Amino acid sequence: MTLARPPAKHLYDSLDRELIALLRTDGRAPLSKLADILNVSRGTVQNRLDRLLESGALLGFTIRAREDVEEDAIQAVMMIEVEGRSTSEVIKKLRGMPELQTLHTTNGTWDLVANVRTSSLSDFDRVLREVRMVEGVLNSETCLLLSSV
């Protein structure tokens, strides 16, 4: 059995930070466009992307949709209490749930805070049950977001 090694530690420089900022704005930007903006070669951008992905600094590429695209979406904030030292394992499991749009560590009573988005109440109910069934999750409290003001 082979154990997975943790990603190599990478020191990020200003070019890495600029590349990440550009990708936050447009995760689908072509390498050539990124290279032009950063004033480096396409190969440099590709090497940096490969290294950022390998190190875990970039977890993947995604889209950003306007909030009003899914007017009927169910949105909530979920606070999660984790058992003992199992936070890392719980985070790994929760990251695999696409309905948890963001996940944050925090201090105080709750260990994690998740932003939840589903397309229906039945999906929302399923997500709540799935989170509560994750080994290491002791308790959770969820607040539905009703309207933005």
C-alpha atoms as a PDB file:
ATOM      1  CA  MET A   1       0.000   0.000   0.000  1.00  0.00           C
ATOM      2  CA  THR A   2       1.396   3.391  -0.998  1.00  0.00           C
ATOM      3  CA  LEU A   3       0.803   6.353   1.265  1.00  0.00           C
ATOM      4  CA  ALA A   4       0.133   9.675  -0.420  1.00  0.00           C
ATOM      5  CA  ARG A   5       2.789  12.275   0.275  1.00  0.00           C
ATOM      6  CA  PRO A   6       1.706  15.755   1.280  1.00  0.00           C
ATOM      7  CA  PRO A   7       2.116  18.326  -1.476  1.00  0.00           C
ATOM      8  CA  ALA A   8       5.545  19.913  -1.707  1.00  0.00           C
ATOM      9  CA  LYS A   9       5.867  23.226   0.131  1.00  0.00           C
ATOM     10  CA  HIS A  10       6.120  26.064  -2.365  1.00  0.00           C
ATOM     11  CA  LEU A  11       7.065  29.655  -1.704  1.00  0.00           C
ATOM     12  CA  TYR A  12       4.792  31.886  -3.731  1.00  0.00           C
ATOM     13  CA  ASP A  13       6.247  34.950  -5.391  1.00  0.00           C
ATOM     14  CA  SER A  14       4.575  38.000  -6.919  1.00  0.00           C
ATOM     15  CA  LEU A  15       4.117  36.244 -10.284  1.00  0.00           C
ATOM     16  CA  ASP A  16       2.264  33.366  -8.587  1.00  0.00           C
ATOM     17  CA  ARG A  17       0.040  35.830  -6.725  1.00  0.00           C
ATOM     18  CA  GLU A  18      -0.689  37.801  -9.914  1.00  0.00           C
ATOM     19  CA  LEU A  19      -1.516  34.581 -11.779  1.00  0.00           C
ATOM     20  CA  ILE A  20      -3.887  33.462  -9.020  1.00  0.00           C
ATOM     21  CA  ALA A  21      -5.565  36.895  -9.032  1.00  0.00           C
ATOM     22  CA  LEU A  22      -6.073  36.702 -12.807  1.00  0.00           C
ATOM     23  CA  LEU A  23      -7.542  33.209 -12.507  1.00  0.00           C
ATOM     24  CA  ARG A  24      -9.952  34.392  -9.818  1.00  0.00           C
ATOM     25  CA  THR A  25     -11.243  36.924 -12.325  1.00  0.00           C
ATOM     26  CA  ASP A  26     -11.321  34.531 -15.299  1.00  0.00           C
ATOM     27  CA  GLY A  27     -10.606  30.862 -14.555  1.00  0.00           C
ATOM     28  CA  ARG A  28     -11.012  30.036 -18.254  1.00  0.00           C
ATOM     29  CA  ALA A  29      -8.477  32.538 -19.586  1.00  0.00           C
ATOM     30  CA  PRO A  30      -6.210  30.986 -22.241  1.00  0.00           C
ATOM     31  CA  LEU A  31      -2.553  30.528 -21.359  1.00  0.00           C
ATOM     32  CA  SER A  32      -1.530  32.929 -24.110  1.00  0.00           C
ATOM     33  CA  LYS A  33      -3.753  35.696 -22.687  1.00  0.00           C
ATOM     34  CA  LEU A  34      -2.366  35.123 -19.172  1.00  0.00           C
ATOM     35  CA  ALA A  35       1.181  35.186 -20.553  1.00  0.00           C
ATOM     36  CA  ASP A  36       0.538  38.489 -22.358  1.00  0.00           C
ATOM     37  CA  ILE A  37      -0.942  40.136 -19.261  1.00  0.00           C
ATOM     38  CA  LEU A  38       1.886  38.886 -17.040  1.00  0.00           C
ATOM     39  CA  ASN A  39       4.538  39.689 -19.665  1.00  0.00           C
ATOM     40  CA  VAL A  40       6.022  36.168 -19.522  1.00  0.00           C
ATOM     41  CA  SER A  41       6.117  33.227 -21.905  1.00  0.00           C
ATOM     42  CA  ARG A  42       3.255  30.759 -22.309  1.00  0.00           C
ATOM     43  CA  GLY A  43       5.590  28.023 -21.013  1.00  0.00           C
ATOM     44  CA  THR A  44       6.249  30.001 -17.841  1.00  0.00           C
ATOM     45  CA  VAL A  45       2.508  30.299 -17.203  1.00  0.00           C
ATOM     46  CA  GLN A  46       2.042  26.558 -17.818  1.00  0.00           C
ATOM     47  CA  ASN A  47       4.910  25.673 -15.447  1.00  0.00           C
ATOM     48  CA  ARG A  48       3.530  27.989 -12.761  1.00  0.00           C
ATOM     49  CA  LEU A  49       0.032  26.533 -13.126  1.00  0.00           C
ATOM     50  CA  ASP A  50       1.385  22.996 -12.885  1.00  0.00           C
ATOM     51  CA  ARG A  51       3.357  23.872  -9.748  1.00  0.00           C
ATOM     52  CA  LEU A  52       0.410  25.703  -8.135  1.00  0.00           C
ATOM     53  CA  LEU A  53      -1.858  22.721  -8.789  1.00  0.00           C
ATOM     54  CA  GLU A  54       0.727  20.224  -7.527  1.00  0.00           C
ATOM     55  CA  SER A  55       1.376  22.233  -4.354  1.00  0.00           C
ATOM     56  CA  GLY A  56      -2.341  22.501  -3.595  1.00  0.00           C
ATOM     57  CA  ALA A  57      -2.413  26.308  -3.907  1.00  0.00           C
ATOM     58  CA  LEU A  58      -4.906  25.857  -6.757  1.00  0.00           C
ATOM     59  CA  LEU A  59      -7.553  23.217  -6.169  1.00  0.00           C
ATOM     60  CA  GLY A  60      -9.100  23.442  -9.607  1.00  0.00           C
ATOM     61  CA  PHE A  61     -10.902  25.784 -11.942  1.00  0.00           C
ATOM     62  CA  THR A  62     -14.530  26.760 -11.693  1.00  0.00           C
ATOM     63  CA  ILE A  63     -17.079  29.256 -12.891  1.00  0.00           C
ATOM     64  CA  ARG A  64     -18.617  32.164 -11.055  1.00  0.00           C
ATOM     65  CA  ALA A  65     -22.290  32.736 -11.757  1.00  0.00           C
ATOM     66  CA  ARG A  66     -24.323  35.806 -10.937  1.00  0.00           C
ATOM     67  CA  GLU A  67     -26.352  35.329  -7.792  1.00  0.00           C
ATOM     68  CA  ASP A  68     -29.628  36.065  -9.579  1.00  0.00           C
ATOM     69  CA  VAL A  69     -29.141  33.313 -12.193  1.00  0.00           C
ATOM     70  CA  GLU A  70     -30.747  30.802  -9.844  1.00  0.00           C
ATOM     71  CA  GLU A  71     -33.414  32.928  -8.207  1.00  0.00           C
ATOM     72  CA  ASP A  72     -35.003  29.951  -6.458  1.00  0.00           C
ATOM     73  CA  ALA A  73     -31.739  28.596  -5.030  1.00  0.00           C
ATOM     74  CA  ILE A  74     -31.710  27.746  -1.345  1.00  0.00           C
ATOM     75  CA  GLN A  75     -28.768  29.425   0.388  1.00  0.00           C
ATOM     76  CA  ALA A  76     -27.629  28.986   3.969  1.00  0.00           C
ATOM     77  CA  VAL A  77     -24.755  29.390   6.375  1.00  0.00           C
ATOM     78  CA  MET A  78     -23.870  26.247   8.321  1.00  0.00           C
ATOM     79  CA  MET A  79     -21.771  26.260  11.472  1.00  0.00           C
ATOM     80  CA  ILE A  80     -20.119  22.916  12.233  1.00  0.00           C
ATOM     81  CA  GLU A  81     -18.589  21.559  15.432  1.00  0.00           C
ATOM     82  CA  VAL A  82     -15.837  18.986  14.918  1.00  0.00           C
ATOM     83  CA  GLU A  83     -14.727  16.253  17.307  1.00  0.00           C
ATOM     84  CA  GLY A  84     -11.249  16.607  18.789  1.00  0.00           C
ATOM     85  CA  ARG A  85      -8.455  16.586  16.247  1.00  0.00           C
ATOM     86  CA  SER A  86     -10.428  15.324  13.279  1.00  0.00           C
ATOM     87  CA  THR A  87     -10.777  18.726  11.571  1.00  0.00           C
ATOM     88  CA  SER A  88      -8.456  17.883   8.661  1.00  0.00           C
ATOM     89  CA  GLU A  89     -10.324  14.659   7.869  1.00  0.00           C
ATOM     90  CA  VAL A  90     -13.710  16.368   8.158  1.00  0.00           C
ATOM     91  CA  ILE A  91     -12.555  19.166   5.828  1.00  0.00           C
ATOM     92  CA  LYS A  92     -11.406  16.601   3.232  1.00  0.00           C
ATOM     93  CA  LYS A  93     -14.821  14.944   3.268  1.00  0.00           C
ATOM     94  CA  LEU A  94     -16.779  18.196   3.192  1.00  0.00           C
ATOM     95  CA  ARG A  95     -14.731  19.589   0.283  1.00  0.00           C
ATOM     96  CA  GLY A  96     -16.124  16.766  -1.832  1.00  0.00           C
ATOM     97  CA  MET A  97     -19.675  18.086  -1.444  1.00  0.00           C
ATOM     98  CA  PRO A  98     -20.402  20.489  -4.342  1.00  0.00           C
ATOM     99  CA  GLU A  99     -23.280  22.128  -2.474  1.00  0.00           C
ATOM    100  CA  LEU A 100     -20.807  23.518   0.070  1.00  0.00           C
ATOM    101  CA  GLN A 101     -19.613  26.484  -1.952  1.00  0.00           C
ATOM    102  CA  THR A 102     -17.064  27.701   0.574  1.00  0.00           C
ATOM    103  CA  LEU A 103     -15.672  26.274   3.777  1.00  0.00           C
ATOM    104  CA  HIS A 104     -13.891  28.281   6.465  1.00  0.00           C
ATOM    105  CA  THR A 105     -12.141  27.416   9.699  1.00  0.00           C
ATOM    106  CA  THR A 106     -13.067  29.697  12.570  1.00  0.00           C
ATOM    107  CA  ASN A 107     -12.669  30.156  16.297  1.00  0.00           C
ATOM    108  CA  GLY A 108     -15.230  30.141  19.066  1.00  0.00           C
ATOM    109  CA  THR A 109     -18.021  27.630  19.551  1.00  0.00           C
ATOM    110  CA  TRP A 110     -17.975  26.429  15.951  1.00  0.00           C
ATOM    111  CA  ASP A 111     -14.944  24.949  14.174  1.00  0.00           C
ATOM    112  CA  LEU A 112     -16.073  25.369  10.565  1.00  0.00           C
ATOM    113  CA  VAL A 113     -18.469  27.615   8.660  1.00  0.00           C
ATOM    114  CA  ALA A 114     -19.848  26.538   5.275  1.00  0.00           C
ATOM    115  CA  ASN A 115     -21.832  28.452   2.684  1.00  0.00           C
ATOM    116  CA  VAL A 116     -24.463  26.073   1.326  1.00  0.00           C
ATOM    117  CA  ARG A 117     -26.338  26.422  -1.971  1.00  0.00           C
ATOM    118  CA  THR A 118     -28.885  23.949  -3.320  1.00  0.00           C
ATOM    119  CA  SER A 119     -31.604  24.068  -5.942  1.00  0.00           C
ATOM    120  CA  SER A 120     -34.427  22.744  -3.741  1.00  0.00           C
ATOM    121  CA  LEU A 121     -35.468  22.157  -0.145  1.00  0.00           C
ATOM    122  CA  SER A 122     -35.213  18.404  -0.631  1.00  0.00           C
ATOM    123  CA  ASP A 123     -31.588  18.795  -1.790  1.00  0.00           C
ATOM    124  CA  PHE A 124     -30.981  21.101   1.162  1.00  0.00           C
ATOM    125  CA  ASP A 125     -32.349  18.477   3.550  1.00  0.00           C
ATOM    126  CA  ARG A 126     -30.120  15.816   1.953  1.00  0.00           C
ATOM    127  CA  VAL A 127     -27.022  18.007   2.319  1.00  0.00           C
ATOM    128  CA  LEU A 128     -27.781  18.655   6.001  1.00  0.00           C
ATOM    129  CA  ARG A 129     -28.083  14.915   6.626  1.00  0.00           C
ATOM    130  CA  GLU A 130     -24.896  14.144   4.682  1.00  0.00           C
ATOM    131  CA  VAL A 131     -22.883  16.726   6.630  1.00  0.00           C
ATOM    132  CA  ARG A 132     -24.193  15.429   9.951  1.00  0.00           C
ATOM    133  CA  MET A 133     -23.253  11.860   8.970  1.00  0.00           C
ATOM    134  CA  VAL A 134     -19.609  12.750   8.305  1.00  0.00           C
ATOM    135  CA  GLU A 135     -17.441  11.003  10.872  1.00  0.00           C
ATOM    136  CA  GLY A 136     -16.040  13.644  13.226  1.00  0.00           C
ATOM    137  CA  VAL A 137     -18.960  16.085  12.925  1.00  0.00           C
ATOM    138  CA  LEU A 138     -20.454  16.486  16.396  1.00  0.00           C
ATOM    139  CA  ASN A 139     -23.025  19.198  15.851  1.00  0.00           C
ATOM    140  CA  SER A 140     -24.194  21.762  13.338  1.00  0.00           C
ATOM    141  CA  GLU A 141     -26.454  24.778  13.175  1.00  0.00           C
ATOM    142  CA  THR A 142     -27.780  26.162   9.903  1.00  0.00           C
ATOM    143  CA  CYS A 143     -29.358  29.506   9.064  1.00  0.00           C
ATOM    144  CA  LEU A 144     -31.242  29.949   5.802  1.00  0.00           C
ATOM    145  CA  LEU A 145     -30.500  33.173   3.966  1.00  0.00           C
ATOM    146  CA  LEU A 146     -33.841  34.765   3.138  1.00  0.00           C
ATOM    147  CA  SER A 147     -32.983  37.949   1.242  1.00  0.00           C
ATOM    148  CA  SER A 148     -30.027  40.204   0.579  1.00  0.00           C
ATOM    149  CA  VAL A 149     -30.330  43.726   1.901  1.00  0.00           C
END
